[in-house]
Amino acid sequence: FCLAAAANNNICSVGVAYNARIGGIRLLDGEVTDLVESRALSFRPDLIDIYSASWGPDDDGKTVDGPATLAQAAFENGIKYGRQGLGSIYVWASGNGGKDDDNCNCDGYTNSIYTVSISSATENGNIPWYSESCSSTLATTYSSGASDEKQVVSTDLRSQCTENHTGTSASAPMAAGIIALALEANRNLTWRDVQYLIIETAKPKYLNALDWKMNGVGKRVSHAFGFGMMDAAQLVLKAQKWRTVPSQRICHHSDPNIIAKTFKKYERVVIQMYTDGCVNTENEINFLEHVQSKVSVKVKYRGNLQIFLTSPMGTNSTLLGRRVEDDSIDGFDKWPFMTVHNWGESPRGLWTLEIVDVENNVIFLNWSLVFYGTQVNPSHQLPTTTIPSKILAA
């Protein structure tokens, strides 16, 4: 069978990064365990630059799951030691559970800070029926949509070609190909450089969503599309002259004065926490990248929960929307909801967590924040010359 599109072989299409080499890891043809996942995620990091994954927990609108101990360690080792210390690039499909109101923040692979979470847009720039919206989505590429919209051309079984590849499973490999072009232009990009480049060059224009907003430093972002459509031309151009961003700092914050409390249905659960961003310590952060909210709550029906986070600069992230299929009584135990919507903001000030359940009482147990970012301004990059893009006009 054909594993990927390649140039100059008269089969199917050329593909996105036709100079790239590709291999496949048989992960899903047997029992998938933590050990199996960890071996796949850490396979030959000396040779593999980009791991593209279109798998994860069931997109059924009720599952909450993520990498277990060994797989999580594989991610962490990958970004530390992969690509000779520059970090392995993990590209992940954001999920196809939209018809069941699933939320990709309940998927611990797509909401990991170590993965590039990719959503889909139809050829007309609309939100596909299968798409999951969440605050951890970084960017978007094209895929299938309504019955009258085009789908993705790709290789198929028995050396065949298909014009009907669909879902975010098609979007993530396309993003991986675009990233491969960037690495071809600049082999010295770190795993965080890649995320910065995607954010700096993604295009919100022509993507139709009602929730587009400007964050506190002027970056447009959406729960449906992240920072916008990936632009291969601009990404490669900017990669050529990119300077490595400052080292990552991690700042943990909790408030011992926040105590467990029961809230009645219809009662807004509003918890506020002040943070100084670990100022005057080795972990001081002045410019945010990822923000994790580790939330612990007990409920009678988990699917009724909605959780929102508002930053000191006024940016509101929907950490969790209603998932009507989720009838679990387990609630959440320090689940790390993640948002990229505060990218570039300062963490200092008052953060507000709001939990809404219109059907049942909520037992709030705990909330803590983990900030990832830099002490030094990462935006002081070399100027680049803009070229017209065939993908989108800025």
Foldseek 3Di string as FASTA:
>chain_A
DDDWAEPDPPFWDHAQQRVDDDDDDPQPPDDHDLVSLLCLLQPPLVPAQEAFDEDFPDLQLAAQDERDDSNVVSLVCQLQCGLNGLGHAYEYEQWQNQLQQHASLSTHVQQDPSYAYEFEAFPQQEQASRFHFFQSHAFYEYAHHDPPTWGCWIADPPSHIDRHDGGSSVTRVNVVSLVVLLCVLPVNHGNVNLSVLQLVAADAPSRDDPPWDAFLVGQTAGRRGRSHYGFSVSSNQCSNFWDYFDDKAKDKDFDPVDAKDKAWAPDKDKDKDFDAQPPPDPRRAFFFFKKWKFWFKFWQAQQQKWKWKAAQSGDIGTLDDHRPVHRDRRGHGRRTRMHRNRGGHGRGTMMMMIMHGNPGMMTGGGIMMMTMHDRDDRPPTDDGDDDDTPPDDD
